Structures are given as C-alpha cells and as structure tokens.
C-alpha cells in the first residue's frame, strides 16, 4: 500500500493532515498543543551505513562503507511531555553544511535560520508502538535539499495528541 493510501486509512483528519504534511513537524505539533516544544536529543553518533536497513541507505543513496549521522530525539513540552519520538539518519557532509548535526537546534529551525529550502517525500505511514506500548501514528520521509537527500526521518506521535485510530474497512 502506498503512503497516501495508508494515510487515508486514519480516521482522524488531524492525523491525516499531520502525516501527509510537507511542512515542519514541530510547528504542526505546537499548533495542536498550543504550546512551544523543545528538542531533546537522546543520542547522536556516526555509524557505518552498512549497519542500517537497505531501504534507508537506498533512499539516502549512501554506500555501505560511508558513515552516516544517527540521531535519536524527541520533541517535548517545557514539562518534558513527549509529543514525538524521532529517528533521523543523515548524510554526513550535507548534515554538517546545513547545521543538522547541531544537537541544540531542532532540524527545521536550523534549516530556516540558514535559509535552506527543503522538501519532503513521504515514504511510509502507519502504526508503530509508543514508548508505553500503545499503538501510535507514525511516518517516515526523505528530506531533500537541492535535489539531494539530506536525511531519512521516522517520526512517531503521542497517541493522546495524534489519534492513531483507523477507519473500518467497508463491508462487501
């Protein structure tokens, strides 16, 4: 099933808009919450691309011997409530050139501050598990800058903010 088809299966229009959106996720979640969010980087390391799934390295167009930046982060409220859990894999050179490797700055805010235009290609949407085990809406996409892959992003959303409920299949 295509990403668009998977997104159409979510019952809540807010969930569908967020999953299909090509704007910055942080701004969208802040609008839903009515409060600012902060980025909390849990881990950021360099790893050989060969340690990653083929669908990630193929999307990024990186050979297995190349090193990539692996970032695990979350968007949180001032009182540390999780809004999203994020897994980012970035091509090293472009990540450094665009400031994506700066753990103090959310990716979108860093790109905006540098005047870097980006676009996103949604690769997948569906359900994952939230840290407490509940199903949650999630998506993965490729962020592209100047027609070159910058990073692969997988985002999972707090099911209390972004309802993961699906439409029932029509009966035949």
Protein backbone atom coordinates (compact mmCIF):
# COMPACT_ATOMS: atom_id res chain seq x y z
CA UNK A 1 0.00 0.00 0.00
CA UNK A 2 1.24 3.48 -0.81
CA UNK A 3 1.94 6.04 1.91
CA UNK A 4 -1.01 8.10 0.66
CA UNK A 5 -3.29 5.06 0.90
CA UNK A 6 -2.07 4.29 4.41
CA UNK A 7 -2.63 7.91 5.49
CA UNK A 8 -6.18 7.83 4.09
CA UNK A 9 -6.91 4.90 6.43
CA UNK A 10 -6.53 7.02 9.57
CA UNK A 11 -9.90 8.09 10.99
CA UNK A 12 -8.93 11.47 12.43
CA UNK A 13 -8.49 14.32 9.91
CA UNK A 14 -5.82 15.93 12.11
CA UNK A 15 -3.79 12.72 11.96
CA UNK A 16 -4.14 12.54 8.18
CA UNK A 17 -3.07 16.19 7.75
CA UNK A 18 -0.04 15.76 10.02
CA UNK A 19 1.10 12.53 8.35
CA UNK A 20 0.66 13.91 4.83
CA UNK A 21 2.16 17.32 5.62
CA UNK A 22 5.35 18.51 3.99
CA UNK A 23 5.92 21.38 6.43
CA UNK A 24 7.92 21.28 9.64
CA UNK A 25 6.51 18.80 12.15
CA UNK A 26 7.48 20.86 15.19
CA UNK A 27 5.30 23.80 14.08
CA UNK A 28 2.37 21.48 13.42
CA UNK A 29 2.65 19.82 16.83
CA UNK A 30 3.00 23.21 18.54
CA UNK A 31 -0.25 24.29 16.87
CA UNK A 32 -2.00 21.13 18.08
CA UNK A 33 -0.69 21.59 21.63
CA UNK A 34 -1.00 25.36 21.75
CA UNK A 35 2.43 25.41 23.39
CA UNK A 36 6.07 25.58 22.32
CA UNK A 37 8.16 22.44 22.00
CA UNK A 38 11.82 21.75 22.65
CA UNK A 39 14.08 19.18 21.05
CA UNK A 40 15.71 16.65 23.35
CA UNK A 41 18.47 14.75 21.58
CA UNK A 42 18.89 11.42 23.33
CA UNK A 43 21.77 10.17 21.22
CA UNK A 44 23.72 11.31 18.19
CA UNK A 45 26.52 9.20 16.78
CA UNK A 46 28.19 8.33 13.49
CA UNK A 47 27.78 4.77 12.24
CA UNK A 48 28.70 2.92 9.06
CA UNK A 49 25.77 2.96 6.63
CA UNK A 50 26.02 -0.83 6.29
CA UNK A 51 24.51 -1.13 9.81
CA UNK A 52 21.24 0.38 8.57
CA UNK A 53 18.35 -1.22 6.67
CA UNK A 54 18.66 -1.16 2.89
CA UNK A 55 15.53 0.98 2.47
CA UNK A 56 17.25 3.76 4.46
CA UNK A 57 20.61 3.64 2.67
CA UNK A 58 18.90 3.29 -0.72
CA UNK A 59 16.74 6.36 -0.05
CA UNK A 60 19.79 8.35 1.08
CA UNK A 61 21.92 6.99 -1.79
CA UNK A 62 24.83 6.16 0.51
CA UNK A 63 27.16 3.18 0.08
CA UNK A 64 27.62 0.79 2.99
CA UNK A 65 31.17 1.95 3.73
CA UNK A 66 30.14 5.59 4.17
CA UNK A 67 29.49 6.87 7.67
CA UNK A 68 26.15 8.49 8.45
CA UNK A 69 24.85 10.53 11.35
CA UNK A 70 22.30 8.70 13.50
CA UNK A 71 20.18 10.91 15.76
CA UNK A 72 17.55 9.80 18.25
CA UNK A 73 15.49 12.66 19.57
CA UNK A 74 12.12 13.70 20.92
CA UNK A 75 10.01 16.81 20.78
CA UNK A 76 8.89 17.65 24.31
CA UNK A 77 6.93 20.33 26.14
CA UNK A 78 8.53 22.52 28.82
CA UNK A 79 7.42 19.95 31.43
CA UNK A 80 9.05 17.14 29.37
CA UNK A 81 5.83 15.62 27.99
CA UNK A 82 6.68 13.67 24.83
CA UNK A 83 4.96 14.87 21.65
CA UNK A 84 7.03 12.82 19.18
CA UNK A 85 9.88 10.35 19.14
CA UNK A 86 12.22 10.72 16.16
CA UNK A 87 14.85 8.62 14.45
CA UNK A 88 16.98 10.54 11.94
CA UNK A 89 19.69 9.24 9.63
CA UNK A 90 21.61 11.96 7.80
CA UNK A 91 24.27 12.09 5.12
CA UNK A 92 27.33 13.45 6.97
CA UNK A 93 28.60 16.18 4.63
CA UNK A 94 25.23 17.81 3.94
CA UNK A 95 24.25 17.43 7.61
CA UNK A 96 27.26 19.48 8.68
CA UNK A 97 26.75 22.04 5.90
CA UNK A 98 23.10 22.63 6.86
CA UNK A 99 23.59 22.55 10.64
CA UNK A 100 21.54 19.38 11.00
CA UNK A 101 24.31 17.96 13.17
CA UNK A 102 23.79 20.66 15.86
CA UNK A 103 22.09 18.90 18.80
CA UNK A 104 20.98 22.22 20.33
CA UNK A 105 18.68 23.16 17.45
CA UNK A 106 15.62 21.38 16.03
CA UNK A 107 16.24 20.34 12.42
CA UNK A 108 13.54 22.56 10.91
CA UNK A 109 14.53 25.62 12.93
CA UNK A 110 18.17 25.15 11.91
CA UNK A 111 17.27 24.93 8.22
CA UNK A 112 15.03 28.00 8.43
CA UNK A 113 17.74 30.00 10.24
CA UNK A 114 20.19 29.17 7.44
CA UNK A 115 17.69 29.91 4.68
CA UNK A 116 17.84 26.32 3.44
CA UNK A 117 14.83 25.26 1.39
CA UNK A 118 13.83 21.63 1.71
CA UNK A 119 11.11 19.34 0.52
CA UNK A 120 9.89 16.02 1.83
CA UNK A 121 8.89 12.81 0.18
CA UNK A 122 6.68 10.67 2.40
CA UNK A 123 7.94 7.09 2.16
CA UNK A 124 5.71 5.28 4.66
CA UNK A 125 2.88 5.89 7.11
CA UNK A 126 1.23 3.54 9.55
CA UNK A 127 1.31 2.37 13.15
CA UNK A 128 4.24 1.86 15.49
CA UNK A 129 4.43 1.44 19.26
CA UNK A 130 4.62 4.45 21.57
CA UNK A 131 7.17 4.07 24.43
CA UNK A 132 4.36 2.90 26.76
CA UNK A 133 3.32 0.17 24.30
CA UNK A 134 0.19 1.77 22.85
CA UNK A 135 -0.23 1.98 19.06
CA UNK A 136 0.70 5.37 17.64
CA UNK A 137 0.59 7.10 14.27
CA UNK A 138 3.98 7.24 12.57
CA UNK A 139 5.57 8.13 9.28
CA UNK A 140 8.92 8.14 7.56
CA UNK A 141 10.08 10.54 4.91
CA UNK A 142 13.11 11.64 2.98
CA UNK A 143 14.13 15.29 3.39
CA UNK A 144 15.72 16.63 0.21
CA UNK A 145 17.80 19.80 -0.22
CA UNK A 146 18.75 20.93 -3.74
CA UNK A 147 17.56 17.60 -5.17
CA UNK A 148 19.95 15.63 -2.93
CA UNK A 149 18.91 13.51 0.03
CA UNK A 150 19.74 15.17 3.35
CA UNK A 151 18.14 12.82 5.84
CA UNK A 152 15.74 9.97 6.43
CA UNK A 153 13.30 10.71 9.26
CA UNK A 154 10.95 8.39 11.11
CA UNK A 155 8.53 10.12 13.48
CA UNK A 156 6.15 8.51 15.97
CA UNK A 157 3.46 10.65 17.57
CA UNK A 158 1.91 10.70 21.05
CA UNK A 159 -1.42 8.88 20.62
CA UNK A 160 -3.07 11.32 23.05
CA UNK A 161 -2.24 14.18 20.64
CA UNK A 162 -2.42 12.45 17.27
CA UNK A 163 -5.13 9.76 17.33
CA UNK A 164 -3.97 6.51 15.68
CA UNK A 165 -7.49 5.13 15.13
CA UNK A 166 -8.21 3.69 11.69
CA UNK A 167 -11.34 3.69 9.59
CA UNK A 168 -13.15 0.39 9.39
CA UNK A 169 -12.91 -1.39 6.06
CA UNK A 170 -16.16 -1.15 4.12
CA UNK A 171 -18.10 -4.41 4.13
CA UNK A 172 -18.70 -6.09 0.81
